[in-house]
C-alpha atoms as a PDB file:
ATOM      1  CA  MET A   1       6.750  51.131 -77.056  1.00  0.00           C
ATOM      2  CA  VAL A   2      10.079  49.755 -75.913  1.00  0.00           C
ATOM      3  CA  LEU A   3       9.833  51.532 -72.583  1.00  0.00           C
ATOM      4  CA  ILE A   4       6.326  50.110 -72.015  1.00  0.00           C
ATOM      5  CA  ASP A   5       7.565  46.537 -72.745  1.00  0.00           C
ATOM      6  CA  LEU A   6      10.415  46.919 -70.277  1.00  0.00           C
ATOM      7  CA  SER A   7       8.059  48.164 -67.550  1.00  0.00           C
ATOM      8  CA  ARG A   8       5.802  45.163 -68.006  1.00  0.00           C
ATOM      9  CA  LYS A   9       8.765  42.801 -67.748  1.00  0.00           C
ATOM     10  CA  ALA A  10       9.936  44.548 -64.602  1.00  0.00           C
ATOM     11  CA  ILE A  11       6.489  44.211 -63.047  1.00  0.00           C
ATOM     12  CA  MET A  12       6.355  40.512 -63.914  1.00  0.00           C
ATOM     13  CA  LEU A  13       9.780  39.935 -62.384  1.00  0.00           C
ATOM     14  CA  ILE A  14       8.763  41.765 -59.185  1.00  0.00           C
ATOM     15  CA  ALA A  15       5.534  39.754 -58.962  1.00  0.00           C
ATOM     16  CA  ALA A  16       7.400  36.497 -59.456  1.00  0.00           C
ATOM     17  CA  SER A  17       9.901  37.434 -56.768  1.00  0.00           C
ATOM     18  CA  LEU A  18       7.094  38.273 -54.316  1.00  0.00           C
ATOM     19  CA  LEU A  19       5.360  34.953 -55.035  1.00  0.00           C
ATOM     20  CA  VAL A  20       8.549  32.979 -54.385  1.00  0.00           C
ATOM     21  CA  GLY A  21       9.107  34.879 -51.136  1.00  0.00           C
ATOM     22  CA  LEU A  22       5.536  34.192 -50.027  1.00  0.00           C
ATOM     23  CA  VAL A  23       5.931  30.447 -50.672  1.00  0.00           C
ATOM     24  CA  ILE A  24       9.149  30.371 -48.640  1.00  0.00           C
ATOM     25  CA  CYS A  25       7.518  32.203 -45.714  1.00  0.00           C
ATOM     26  CA  ILE A  26       4.547  29.823 -45.705  1.00  0.00           C
ATOM     27  CA  SER A  27       6.838  26.771 -45.746  1.00  0.00           C
ATOM     28  CA  ILE A  28       8.644  28.134 -42.671  1.00  0.00           C
ATOM     29  CA  LEU A  29       5.596  29.259 -40.670  1.00  0.00           C
ATOM     30  CA  VAL A  30       3.216  26.321 -41.193  1.00  0.00           C
ATOM     31  CA  PRO A  31       5.168  23.740 -39.098  1.00  0.00           C
ATOM     32  CA  HIS A  32       5.326  26.199 -36.195  1.00  0.00           C
ATOM     33  CA  LEU A  33       1.630  27.038 -36.441  1.00  0.00           C
ATOM     34  CA  GLN A  34       0.703  23.348 -36.392  1.00  0.00           C
ATOM     35  CA  GLN A  35       2.169  22.994 -32.869  1.00  0.00           C
ATOM     36  CA  SER A  36      -0.635  24.156 -30.576  1.00  0.00           C
ATOM     37  CA  PRO A  37       0.448  25.993 -27.399  1.00  0.00           C
ATOM     38  CA  SER A  38      -1.934  23.729 -25.428  1.00  0.00           C
ATOM     39  CA  THR A  39      -0.063  20.579 -26.479  1.00  0.00           C
ATOM     40  CA  PRO A  40       3.659  21.237 -25.964  1.00  0.00           C
ATOM     41  CA  THR A  41       6.133  18.685 -27.208  1.00  0.00           C
ATOM     42  CA  ILE A  42       8.289  16.677 -24.784  1.00  0.00           C
ATOM     43  CA  SER A  43      11.958  17.535 -24.974  1.00  0.00           C
ATOM     44  CA  VAL A  44      14.774  14.999 -24.929  1.00  0.00           C
ATOM     45  CA  VAL A  45      15.570  15.936 -21.327  1.00  0.00           C
ATOM     46  CA  GLN A  46      11.916  15.479 -20.284  1.00  0.00           C
ATOM     47  CA  LYS A  47      11.798  12.068 -21.943  1.00  0.00           C
ATOM     48  CA  GLU A  48      14.915  11.061 -20.025  1.00  0.00           C
ATOM     49  CA  VAL A  49      13.345  12.128 -16.719  1.00  0.00           C
ATOM     50  CA  LEU A  50      10.193  10.121 -17.447  1.00  0.00           C
ATOM     51  CA  SER A  51      12.146   7.036 -18.516  1.00  0.00           C
ATOM     52  CA  ASN A  52      14.099   7.118 -15.253  1.00  0.00           C
ATOM     53  CA  PHE A  53      10.923   7.304 -13.141  1.00  0.00           C
ATOM     54  CA  PHE A  54      10.025   3.772 -12.058  1.00  0.00           C
ATOM     55  CA  VAL A  55       6.348   3.079 -11.497  1.00  0.00           C
ATOM     56  CA  PRO A  56       5.633   0.898  -8.440  1.00  0.00           C
ATOM     57  CA  ARG A  57       3.840  -2.384  -9.086  1.00  0.00           C
ATOM     58  CA  TRP A  58       2.282  -5.296  -7.259  1.00  0.00           C
ATOM     59  CA  THR A  59       4.325  -8.487  -7.575  1.00  0.00           C
ATOM     60  CA  ARG A  60       2.935 -11.925  -6.813  1.00  0.00           C
ATOM     61  CA  TYR A  61       4.727 -13.599  -3.910  1.00  0.00           C
ATOM     62  CA  THR A  62       6.298 -16.996  -4.629  1.00  0.00           C
ATOM     63  CA  SER A  63       9.017 -19.124  -3.048  1.00  0.00           C
ATOM     64  CA  SER A  64      11.489 -17.535  -5.480  1.00  0.00           C
ATOM     65  CA  PHE A  65      10.404 -13.962  -4.694  1.00  0.00           C
ATOM     66  CA  SER A  66      13.314 -11.511  -4.382  1.00  0.00           C
ATOM     67  CA  ILE A  67      13.014  -9.005  -1.549  1.00  0.00           C
ATOM     68  CA  GLU A  68      15.478  -6.690  -3.285  1.00  0.00           C
ATOM     69  CA  ASN A  69      12.868  -4.517  -5.036  1.00  0.00           C
ATOM     70  CA  ALA A  70      10.219  -4.637  -2.320  1.00  0.00           C
ATOM     71  CA  PHE A  71       9.250  -1.147  -1.182  1.00  0.00           C
ATOM     72  CA  VAL A  72      10.542  -0.399   2.324  1.00  0.00           C
ATOM     73  CA  ALA A  73       7.641   1.244   4.141  1.00  0.00           C
ATOM     74  CA  ASP A  74       9.615   1.917   7.333  1.00  0.00           C
ATOM     75  CA  ILE A  75      12.045   0.418   9.840  1.00  0.00           C
ATOM     76  CA  ASP A  76      10.728  -1.330  12.951  1.00  0.00           C
ATOM     77  CA  ALA A  77      12.027  -1.225  16.539  1.00  0.00           C
ATOM     78  CA  ASN A  78      14.407  -4.118  15.771  1.00  0.00           C
ATOM     79  CA  HIS A  79      15.908  -2.170  12.850  1.00  0.00           C
ATOM     80  CA  GLN A  80      14.235  -4.486  10.338  1.00  0.00           C
ATOM     81  CA  PRO A  81      12.561  -3.190   7.162  1.00  0.00           C
ATOM     82  CA  ILE A  82       8.772  -3.151   6.950  1.00  0.00           C
ATOM     83  CA  TYR A  83       7.118  -4.206   3.692  1.00  0.00           C
ATOM     84  CA  ILE A  84       3.651  -3.762   2.183  1.00  0.00           C
ATOM     85  CA  CYS A  85       1.443  -6.496   0.787  1.00  0.00           C
ATOM     86  CA  ARG A  86      -2.175  -7.040  -0.172  1.00  0.00           C
ATOM     87  CA  ALA A  87      -4.359 -10.140  -0.082  1.00  0.00           C
ATOM     88  CA  VAL A  88      -7.864 -11.184  -1.055  1.00  0.00           C
ATOM     89  CA  TYR A  89     -10.225 -11.599   1.877  1.00  0.00           C
ATOM     90  CA  SER A  90     -13.380 -13.661   1.429  1.00  0.00           C
ATOM     91  CA  SER A  91     -16.083 -14.281   4.019  1.00  0.00           C
ATOM     92  CA  TYR A  92     -16.937 -17.610   2.327  1.00  0.00           C
ATOM     93  CA  VAL A  93     -20.604 -16.834   2.944  1.00  0.00           C
ATOM     94  CA  PHE A  94     -21.212 -15.454  -0.524  1.00  0.00           C
ATOM     95  CA  ASP A  95     -18.794 -15.775  -3.421  1.00  0.00           C
ATOM     96  CA  GLU A  96     -19.146 -12.070  -4.194  1.00  0.00           C
ATOM     97  CA  ASP A  97     -18.043 -11.042  -0.679  1.00  0.00           C
ATOM     98  CA  ILE A  98     -14.415 -10.536  -1.640  1.00  0.00           C
ATOM     99  CA  ASP A  99     -12.208  -7.615  -0.607  1.00  0.00           C
ATOM    100  CA  LEU A 100      -8.642  -6.794  -1.687  1.00  0.00           C
ATOM    101  CA  ILE A 101      -6.963  -5.448   1.449  1.00  0.00           C
ATOM    102  CA  PRO A 102      -3.454  -3.964   1.988  1.00  0.00           C
ATOM    103  CA  GLY A 103      -1.433  -5.138   4.962  1.00  0.00           C
ATOM    104  CA  LEU A 104       1.969  -6.029   6.373  1.00  0.00           C
ATOM    105  CA  PHE A 105       4.298  -8.504   4.644  1.00  0.00           C
ATOM    106  CA  ASP A 106       6.238 -10.760   7.018  1.00  0.00           C
ATOM    107  CA  PRO A 107       9.176 -12.144   4.965  1.00  0.00           C
ATOM    108  CA  LYS A 108      10.280 -14.537   7.728  1.00  0.00           C
ATOM    109  CA  LYS A 109       6.925 -16.317   7.811  1.00  0.00           C
ATOM    110  CA  GLY A 110       6.141 -15.696   4.150  1.00  0.00           C
ATOM    111  CA  VAL A 111       2.671 -14.322   4.910  1.00  0.00           C
ATOM    112  CA  CYS A 112       0.614 -11.196   4.365  1.00  0.00           C
ATOM    113  CA  ILE A 113      -1.112  -9.960   7.516  1.00  0.00           C
ATOM    114  CA  ILE A 114      -4.328  -8.006   6.994  1.00  0.00           C
ATOM    115  CA  SER A 115      -7.238  -6.939   9.180  1.00  0.00           C
ATOM    116  CA  TYR A 116     -10.954  -7.214   8.616  1.00  0.00           C
ATOM    117  CA  GLY A 117     -14.005  -7.060  10.881  1.00  0.00           C
ATOM    118  CA  TYR A 118     -12.109  -6.682  14.184  1.00  0.00           C
ATOM    119  CA  SER A 119      -9.817  -9.636  13.408  1.00  0.00           C
ATOM    120  CA  ALA A 120      -6.386 -10.217  11.852  1.00  0.00           C
ATOM    121  CA  TYR A 121      -5.704 -12.756   9.112  1.00  0.00           C
ATOM    122  CA  GLU A 122      -2.583 -14.274   7.563  1.00  0.00           C
ATOM    123  CA  TYR A 123      -2.490 -15.261   3.913  1.00  0.00           C
ATOM    124  CA  LYS A 124       0.105 -17.226   1.970  1.00  0.00           C
ATOM    125  CA  GLU A 125      -1.210 -16.110  -1.418  1.00  0.00           C
ATOM    126  CA  PHE A 126      -0.691 -12.399  -1.892  1.00  0.00           C
ATOM    127  CA  GLN A 127       1.150  -9.604  -3.703  1.00  0.00           C
ATOM    128  CA  VAL A 128       4.019  -7.420  -2.520  1.00  0.00           C
ATOM    129  CA  LEU A 129       4.463  -3.750  -3.406  1.00  0.00           C
ATOM    130  CA  THR A 130       7.714  -3.402  -5.361  1.00  0.00           C
ATOM    131  CA  THR A 131       9.607  -0.577  -7.027  1.00  0.00           C
ATOM    132  CA  GLU A 132      13.009  -0.047  -8.593  1.00  0.00           C
ATOM    133  CA  ASP A 133      13.121   3.447  -7.132  1.00  0.00           C
ATOM    134  CA  GLN A 134      12.400   3.740  -3.405  1.00  0.00           C
ATOM    135  CA  SER A 135      12.116   7.531  -3.726  1.00  0.00           C
ATOM    136  CA  SER A 136       9.125   7.219  -6.085  1.00  0.00           C
ATOM    137  CA  LEU A 137       6.841   6.755  -3.058  1.00  0.00           C
ATOM    138  CA  ILE A 138       6.411   8.964   0.003  1.00  0.00           C
ATOM    139  CA  TRP A 139       4.283   8.987   3.153  1.00  0.00           C
ATOM    140  CA  VAL A 140       1.954  11.948   3.645  1.00  0.00           C
ATOM    141  CA  GLU A 141       0.405  12.702   7.017  1.00  0.00           C
ATOM    142  CA  THR A 142      -3.382  13.078   7.035  1.00  0.00           C
ATOM    143  CA  SER A 143      -6.497  12.173   9.043  1.00  0.00           C
ATOM    144  CA  HIS A 144     -10.242  11.468   9.028  1.00  0.00           C
ATOM    145  CA  GLY A 145     -10.345  10.045   5.505  1.00  0.00           C
ATOM    146  CA  ILE A 146      -8.763  13.046   3.772  1.00  0.00           C
ATOM    147  CA  ALA A 147      -6.876  11.778   0.703  1.00  0.00           C
ATOM    148  CA  PRO A 148      -3.901  13.840  -0.554  1.00  0.00           C
ATOM    149  CA  GLU A 149      -3.044  14.086  -4.245  1.00  0.00           C
ATOM    150  CA  GLY A 150      -1.206  11.113  -5.689  1.00  0.00           C
ATOM    151  CA  VAL A 151      -2.473   8.677  -3.047  1.00  0.00           C
ATOM    152  CA  VAL A 152      -1.727   5.022  -3.827  1.00  0.00           C
ATOM    153  CA  ILE A 153      -4.805   2.804  -3.893  1.00  0.00           C
ATOM    154  CA  GLY A 154      -3.856  -0.574  -2.454  1.00  0.00           C
ATOM    155  CA  GLY A 155      -7.189  -2.365  -2.594  1.00  0.00           C
ATOM    156  CA  GLN A 156     -10.945  -2.272  -2.921  1.00  0.00           C
ATOM    157  CA  THR A 157     -14.003  -3.480  -1.022  1.00  0.00           C
ATOM    158  CA  THR A 158     -17.049  -5.333  -2.307  1.00  0.00           C
ATOM    159  CA  LYS A 159     -18.865  -1.992  -2.161  1.00  0.00           C
ATOM    160  CA  GLU A 160     -16.228  -0.632  -4.587  1.00  0.00           C
ATOM    161  CA  ASP A 161     -14.669   1.591  -1.933  1.00  0.00           C
ATOM    162  CA  GLU A 162     -11.029   2.299  -2.793  1.00  0.00           C
ATOM    163  CA  LEU A 163      -8.543   1.542  -0.027  1.00  0.00           C
ATOM    164  CA  PRO A 164      -5.457   3.788   0.227  1.00  0.00           C
ATOM    165  CA  ILE A 165      -2.437   2.278   2.012  1.00  0.00           C
ATOM    166  CA  ALA A 166      -2.064   3.536   5.574  1.00  0.00           C
ATOM    167  CA  LYS A 167       0.640   3.561   8.227  1.00  0.00           C
ATOM    168  CA  PHE A 168       0.307   4.457  11.898  1.00  0.00           C
ATOM    169  CA  GLU A 169       1.790   3.568  15.261  1.00  0.00           C
ATOM    170  CA  LYS A 170       0.344   1.837  18.290  1.00  0.00           C
ATOM    171  CA  GLU A 171       2.253   1.040  21.480  1.00  0.00           C
ATOM    172  CA  GLY A 172       5.559   1.607  19.696  1.00  0.00           C
ATOM    173  CA  GLN A 173       4.733  -0.665  16.754  1.00  0.00           C
ATOM    174  CA  ILE A 174       4.474   0.544  13.157  1.00  0.00           C
ATOM    175  CA  LEU A 175       1.346  -0.853  11.542  1.00  0.00           C
ATOM    176  CA  ILE A 176       0.459  -1.151   7.856  1.00  0.00           C
ATOM    177  CA  GLY A 177      -3.167  -1.231   6.782  1.00  0.00           C
ATOM    178  CA  SER A 178      -5.769   0.663   4.801  1.00  0.00           C
ATOM    179  CA  VAL A 179      -7.987   3.736   4.980  1.00  0.00           C
ATOM    180  CA  HIS A 180     -11.772   3.384   4.771  1.00  0.00           C
ATOM    181  CA  ASP A 181     -13.067   6.754   3.624  1.00  0.00           C
ATOM    182  CA  ARG A 182     -16.649   6.042   4.655  1.00  0.00           C
ATOM    183  CA  TYR A 183     -15.473   5.728   8.269  1.00  0.00           C
ATOM    184  CA  GLY A 184     -12.653   8.270   8.076  1.00  0.00           C
ATOM    185  CA  LEU A 185     -10.350   5.779   9.814  1.00  0.00           C
ATOM    186  CA  ALA A 186      -7.263   3.724   9.111  1.00  0.00           C
ATOM    187  CA  PHE A 187      -7.408   0.027  10.052  1.00  0.00           C
ATOM    188  CA  ALA A 188      -4.555  -2.437  10.587  1.00  0.00           C
ATOM    189  CA  ALA A 189      -3.755  -5.758  12.241  1.00  0.00           C
ATOM    190  CA  PHE A 190      -2.384  -5.560  15.779  1.00  0.00           C
ATOM    191  CA  GLU A 191      -1.588  -8.572  17.976  1.00  0.00           C
ATOM    192  CA  GLY A 192      -4.196 -10.820  16.385  1.00  0.00           C
ATOM    193  CA  THR A 193      -6.972  -8.245  16.230  1.00  0.00           C
ATOM    194  CA  GLU A 194      -7.921  -5.163  14.239  1.00  0.00           C
ATOM    195  CA  THR A 195      -7.154  -1.692  15.496  1.00  0.00           C
ATOM    196  CA  GLU A 196      -7.948   1.739  14.096  1.00  0.00           C
ATOM    197  CA  SER A 197      -6.725   5.320  14.114  1.00  0.00           C
ATOM    198  CA  SER A 198      -8.064   8.702  13.039  1.00  0.00           C
ATOM    199  CA  TYR A 199      -4.544  10.007  12.449  1.00  0.00           C
ATOM    200  CA  TYR A 200      -2.151   8.239  10.084  1.00  0.00           C
ATOM    201  CA  HIS A 201       0.034   8.505   6.996  1.00  0.00           C
ATOM    202  CA  VAL A 202      -1.010   7.430   3.506  1.00  0.00           C
ATOM    203  CA  LEU A 203       1.309   6.283   0.755  1.00  0.00           C
ATOM    204  CA  CYS A 204       1.527   8.632  -2.239  1.00  0.00           C
ATOM    205  CA  MET A 205       3.398   8.864  -5.520  1.00  0.00           C
ATOM    206  CA  GLU A 206       6.209  11.383  -5.394  1.00  0.00           C
ATOM    207  CA  GLU A 207       5.509  14.358  -7.654  1.00  0.00           C
ATOM    208  CA  ILE A 208       7.944  14.766 -10.552  1.00  0.00           C
ATOM    209  CA  THR A 209       8.633  17.920 -12.546  1.00  0.00           C
ATOM    210  CA  ILE A 210       9.470  17.673 -16.239  1.00  0.00           C
END
């Protein structure tokens, strides 16, 4: 009888030990299982990369506007920086005929020069493209309305067509305008009129790896 009692106690101790071990294993495995492979966590290094990536924004132009953070689209023939702006164009025929069109910012005159309907227009109320990191934006060569990944949309038409920001040259001048996908052309102001090109560059967000 004594031997039987001891065997039962030994079995109970073994069972208790196994139960404790199982609880410990579950407490270790559950947190790892809760992290789905499809939703990886962001490491400290990745968070630092993202926090250092400055998103470009449109800044309203005023008399106290600082050119310091304006995005430099290029350098002209006189070695002066070229800036990007956008302004609201209205035909004044119907109130709903309003387009938001990207163009060239002239800091000396304090105007935004855009093109529309074969003509060029200057506006004193507009926004300037700014960024704290000039490398966050790049120009990508394309043509015939083909939009690369990460393209920056600078405006929109009354027909809800998105207008990517375009850059192309004509007679040695660097022009800033917009791409109209439905025509497959880039349009910009040139010497008081509107000109177009099938080949151009569009502004895109630089790809980052985290």
